[in-house]
């Protein structure tokens, strides 16, 4: 629970007591000050509630992300090895023939651009 919720609630109750005392004694100034303190406490309490809500959402998002990573690793235990092998398979020809690889990559990019442009 956020500290603002606690202090806000204390201010709210203190303001209610002060406002009631002012009303009981007929002191409009004390009554108004009590109402102002009550509103300040309510606002502070709401800030604390908002902080708690944001914290809860962040915790849930973190938990979901961890679960997704765990599930991905369970379903694809060899993903790192597959990535490493694929990277090596592409790297070798590119290192051996950099100019030809560049021409192939440019050609593939150009063709993809044409396909995308014609669809739109």
Protein backbone atom coordinates (compact mmCIF):
# COMPACT_ATOMS: atom_id res chain seq x y z
CA UNK A 1 0.00 0.00 0.00
CA UNK A 2 1.36 3.37 -1.00
CA UNK A 3 2.27 5.90 1.70
CA UNK A 4 0.02 8.51 0.06
CA UNK A 5 -3.02 6.35 0.73
CA UNK A 6 -2.29 6.25 4.45
CA UNK A 7 -1.43 9.93 4.89
CA UNK A 8 -4.32 10.89 2.63
CA UNK A 9 -6.79 8.93 4.74
CA UNK A 10 -5.40 10.48 7.94
CA UNK A 11 -5.76 13.99 6.48
CA UNK A 12 -9.25 13.18 5.26
CA UNK A 13 -10.41 12.01 8.71
CA UNK A 14 -8.69 14.95 10.42
CA UNK A 15 -10.42 17.30 8.00
CA UNK A 16 -13.79 15.69 8.70
CA UNK A 17 -13.25 16.10 12.45
CA UNK A 18 -12.10 19.70 12.03
CA UNK A 19 -15.04 20.48 9.74
CA UNK A 20 -17.50 18.90 12.17
CA UNK A 21 -15.99 20.87 15.06
CA UNK A 22 -16.28 24.08 13.06
CA UNK A 23 -19.88 23.30 12.17
CA UNK A 24 -20.69 22.43 15.79
CA UNK A 25 -19.19 25.67 17.11
CA UNK A 26 -20.51 27.75 14.23
CA UNK A 27 -16.99 28.73 13.17
CA UNK A 28 -17.21 28.97 9.38
CA UNK A 29 -13.44 29.39 9.02
CA UNK A 30 -12.65 26.18 10.92
CA UNK A 31 -15.39 24.37 9.00
CA UNK A 32 -13.92 25.54 5.67
CA UNK A 33 -10.38 24.60 6.71
CA UNK A 34 -11.63 21.17 7.72
CA UNK A 35 -13.36 20.69 4.38
CA UNK A 36 -10.19 21.81 2.55
CA UNK A 37 -8.07 19.35 4.56
CA UNK A 38 -10.60 16.60 3.88
CA UNK A 39 -10.41 17.27 0.12
CA UNK A 40 -6.61 17.37 0.26
CA UNK A 41 -6.61 14.01 2.03
CA UNK A 42 -9.01 12.54 -0.51
CA UNK A 43 -6.80 13.75 -3.38
CA UNK A 44 -3.68 12.35 -1.74
CA UNK A 45 -5.44 9.03 -1.17
CA UNK A 46 -6.39 8.93 -4.87
CA UNK A 47 -2.76 9.56 -5.84
CA UNK A 48 -1.76 6.61 -3.67
CA UNK A 49 -4.43 4.43 -5.26
CA UNK A 50 -3.17 5.40 -8.72
CA UNK A 51 0.41 4.54 -7.75
CA UNK A 52 -0.75 1.18 -6.42
CA UNK A 53 -2.68 0.50 -9.64
CA UNK A 54 0.34 1.36 -11.81
CA UNK A 55 2.54 -0.85 -9.65
CA UNK A 56 0.06 -3.73 -9.98
CA UNK A 57 -0.05 -3.35 -13.77
CA UNK A 58 3.75 -3.29 -13.95
CA UNK A 59 3.97 -6.41 -11.80
CA UNK A 60 1.43 -8.21 -13.97
CA UNK A 61 3.21 -7.19 -17.18
CA UNK A 62 6.52 -8.41 -15.78
CA UNK A 63 4.95 -11.70 -14.76
CA UNK A 64 3.36 -12.17 -18.20
CA UNK A 65 6.67 -11.43 -19.92
CA UNK A 66 8.52 -13.90 -17.71
CA UNK A 67 5.88 -16.54 -18.38
CA UNK A 68 6.13 -15.93 -22.14
CA UNK A 69 9.91 -16.24 -22.08
CA UNK A 70 9.70 -19.43 -20.02
CA UNK A 71 7.07 -20.90 -22.35
CA UNK A 72 9.14 -19.97 -25.40
CA UNK A 73 12.19 -21.66 -23.97
CA UNK A 74 10.16 -24.76 -23.13
CA UNK A 75 8.66 -24.97 -26.62
CA UNK A 76 11.82 -24.06 -28.49
CA UNK A 77 14.70 -25.43 -26.41
CA UNK A 78 17.00 -25.50 -29.43
CA UNK A 79 16.18 -21.97 -30.65
CA UNK A 80 19.57 -20.56 -29.64
CA UNK A 81 21.37 -23.37 -31.47
CA UNK A 82 19.19 -22.99 -34.57
CA UNK A 83 19.87 -19.24 -34.59
CA UNK A 84 23.62 -19.81 -34.21
CA UNK A 85 23.69 -22.34 -37.05
CA UNK A 86 21.60 -20.12 -39.35
CA UNK A 87 23.81 -17.15 -38.61
CA UNK A 88 26.92 -19.18 -39.41
CA UNK A 89 25.34 -20.57 -42.59
CA UNK A 90 24.69 -17.05 -43.88
CA UNK A 91 27.92 -15.54 -42.59
CA UNK A 92 30.27 -17.92 -44.40
CA UNK A 93 29.10 -17.16 -47.98
CA UNK A 94 28.78 -13.44 -47.23
CA UNK A 95 32.35 -13.30 -45.91
CA UNK A 96 33.59 -15.32 -48.89
CA UNK A 97 31.75 -13.23 -51.53
CA UNK A 98 30.80 -9.85 -50.04
CA UNK A 99 30.15 -8.07 -53.36
CA UNK A 100 27.92 -10.84 -54.73
CA UNK A 101 26.05 -10.97 -51.41
CA UNK A 102 25.47 -7.23 -51.59
CA UNK A 103 24.10 -7.49 -55.12
CA UNK A 104 21.77 -10.34 -54.09
CA UNK A 105 20.55 -8.37 -51.04
CA UNK A 106 19.93 -5.25 -53.14
CA UNK A 107 18.06 -7.28 -55.75
CA UNK A 108 15.90 -8.96 -53.10
CA UNK A 109 15.15 -5.59 -51.52
CA UNK A 110 14.25 -4.09 -54.87
CA UNK A 111 11.89 -6.97 -55.69
CA UNK A 112 10.23 -6.75 -52.28
CA UNK A 113 9.80 -3.02 -52.80
CA UNK A 114 8.13 -3.61 -56.15
CA UNK A 115 5.80 -6.22 -54.69
CA UNK A 116 4.80 -4.03 -51.78
CA UNK A 117 4.39 -0.95 -53.95
CA UNK A 118 2.14 -2.74 -56.44
CA UNK A 119 -0.09 -4.11 -53.67
CA UNK A 120 -0.67 -0.66 -52.18
